[in-house]
Amino acid sequence: MGNTPDTAEFVSGGTRHTVTRAQVEAAASRLTAAHSAAFSQHREWYALVGSGLHYVLDLIAEATGIKPSDVKTARLALDALGFPIVCWAWGDLLKVGHSGHTAST
């Protein structure tokens, strides 16, 4: 993918971990895509891997066996690897954003 790195870092419990594009792609192949029966309206951030949307925390956890400390950490790592990041918003989220994501996004 051009200048996109093959690895990215994320934090879990104060410790830095590394994830690779190959790990993420393999994880996506094992997970049920979020736009099927696995969708949850309480999850806002997804990454597009191939033709499937996957919740960012689940994707990193499946890829590495380690759950990132927070959603922002997961989505930034996936973005650094070049995966498109999608926010699913509805109702007030469209007008005012999510308080846990807007202050420092």
Protein backbone atom coordinates (compact mmCIF):
# COMPACT_ATOMS: atom_id res chain seq x y z
CA MET A 1 0.00 0.00 0.00
CA GLY A 2 2.56 2.59 -1.00
CA ASN A 3 4.07 4.29 2.04
CA THR A 4 1.80 2.55 4.56
CA PRO A 5 3.83 0.75 7.23
CA ASP A 6 3.49 -3.00 7.74
CA THR A 7 3.39 -2.63 11.53
CA ALA A 8 1.71 -0.31 14.02
CA GLU A 9 1.74 0.02 17.78
CA PHE A 10 -1.07 0.08 20.32
CA VAL A 11 -1.21 0.26 24.11
CA SER A 12 -2.80 -2.22 26.48
CA GLY A 13 -2.48 -1.82 30.23
CA GLY A 14 0.32 0.70 29.82
CA THR A 15 2.42 -1.64 27.64
CA ARG A 16 3.12 -1.05 23.93
CA HIS A 17 2.39 -3.89 21.54
CA THR A 18 2.87 -4.32 17.80
CA VAL A 19 0.31 -5.45 15.23
CA THR A 20 0.92 -6.16 11.53
CA ARG A 21 -1.26 -5.84 8.44
CA ALA A 22 -1.01 -9.60 7.95
CA GLN A 23 -2.26 -10.25 11.51
CA VAL A 24 -5.22 -7.90 10.96
CA GLU A 25 -6.13 -9.47 7.62
CA ALA A 26 -5.96 -12.98 9.12
CA ALA A 27 -8.07 -11.88 12.09
CA ALA A 28 -10.70 -10.38 9.78
CA SER A 29 -10.97 -13.69 7.95
CA ARG A 30 -11.79 -15.43 11.27
CA LEU A 31 -14.30 -12.84 12.55
CA THR A 32 -17.90 -12.44 11.50
CA ALA A 33 -18.26 -9.12 9.72
CA ALA A 34 -20.05 -6.45 11.74
CA HIS A 35 -22.44 -5.66 8.90
CA SER A 36 -23.93 -9.15 9.29
CA ALA A 37 -25.41 -10.73 12.42
CA ALA A 38 -22.58 -9.38 14.62
CA PHE A 39 -23.59 -5.69 14.38
CA SER A 40 -24.08 -3.80 17.65
CA GLN A 41 -25.43 -0.26 17.81
CA HIS A 42 -23.28 0.35 20.90
CA ARG A 43 -20.04 0.12 18.94
CA GLU A 44 -19.12 3.23 16.99
CA TRP A 45 -15.74 2.57 15.31
CA TYR A 46 -15.10 -0.01 12.60
CA ALA A 47 -12.30 -0.81 10.17
CA LEU A 48 -12.86 -1.95 6.62
CA VAL A 49 -10.69 -5.00 5.91
CA GLY A 50 -11.30 -6.45 2.48
CA SER A 51 -15.06 -6.26 2.05
CA GLY A 52 -15.93 -6.61 5.75
CA LEU A 53 -16.48 -4.07 8.51
CA HIS A 54 -15.04 -5.14 11.85
CA TYR A 55 -15.25 -3.49 15.27
CA VAL A 56 -11.78 -2.05 15.95
CA LEU A 57 -11.31 -3.49 19.48
CA ASP A 58 -12.38 -6.98 18.42
CA LEU A 59 -10.14 -6.84 15.35
CA ILE A 60 -6.97 -5.91 17.25
CA ALA A 61 -7.76 -8.37 20.06
CA GLU A 62 -8.31 -11.19 17.55
CA ALA A 63 -5.16 -10.26 15.64
CA THR A 64 -2.85 -10.14 18.65
CA GLY A 65 -4.58 -11.83 21.57
CA ILE A 66 -4.35 -8.51 23.45
CA LYS A 67 -7.23 -6.07 23.87
CA PRO A 68 -6.19 -2.42 23.39
CA SER A 69 -6.72 -0.05 26.32
CA ASP A 70 -9.38 1.92 24.44
CA VAL A 71 -11.16 2.39 21.13
CA LYS A 72 -9.03 5.36 20.08
CA THR A 73 -5.83 3.32 20.48
CA ALA A 74 -7.28 0.54 18.31
CA ARG A 75 -8.58 2.79 15.55
CA LEU A 76 -5.33 4.77 15.35
CA ALA A 77 -3.29 1.56 15.00
CA LEU A 78 -5.57 0.29 12.23
CA ASP A 79 -5.49 3.69 10.51
CA ALA A 80 -1.68 3.65 10.65
CA LEU A 81 -1.78 0.30 8.83
CA GLY A 82 -3.86 1.91 6.08
CA PHE A 83 -7.24 0.37 6.83
CA PRO A 84 -10.20 2.74 6.28
CA ILE A 85 -11.87 3.62 9.58
CA VAL A 86 -15.64 4.11 9.70
CA CYS A 87 -17.74 5.67 12.44
CA TRP A 88 -21.31 4.45 12.77
CA ALA A 89 -23.34 7.38 14.10
CA TRP A 90 -27.05 7.95 14.59
CA GLY A 91 -29.33 10.35 16.46
CA ASP A 92 -27.50 12.78 18.74
CA LEU A 93 -24.14 11.28 17.75
CA LEU A 94 -24.59 12.97 14.37
CA LYS A 95 -25.21 16.36 15.97
CA VAL A 96 -22.91 16.49 19.00
CA GLY A 97 -20.63 13.49 18.69
CA HIS A 98 -19.75 10.94 21.35
CA SER A 99 -18.44 12.51 24.55
CA GLY A 100 -15.83 9.80 24.89
CA HIS A 101 -14.46 10.46 21.40
CA THR A 102 -14.87 14.13 20.54
CA ALA A 103 -12.67 15.85 23.13
CA SER A 104 -9.37 14.56 21.77
CA THR A 105 -10.12 13.02 18.39
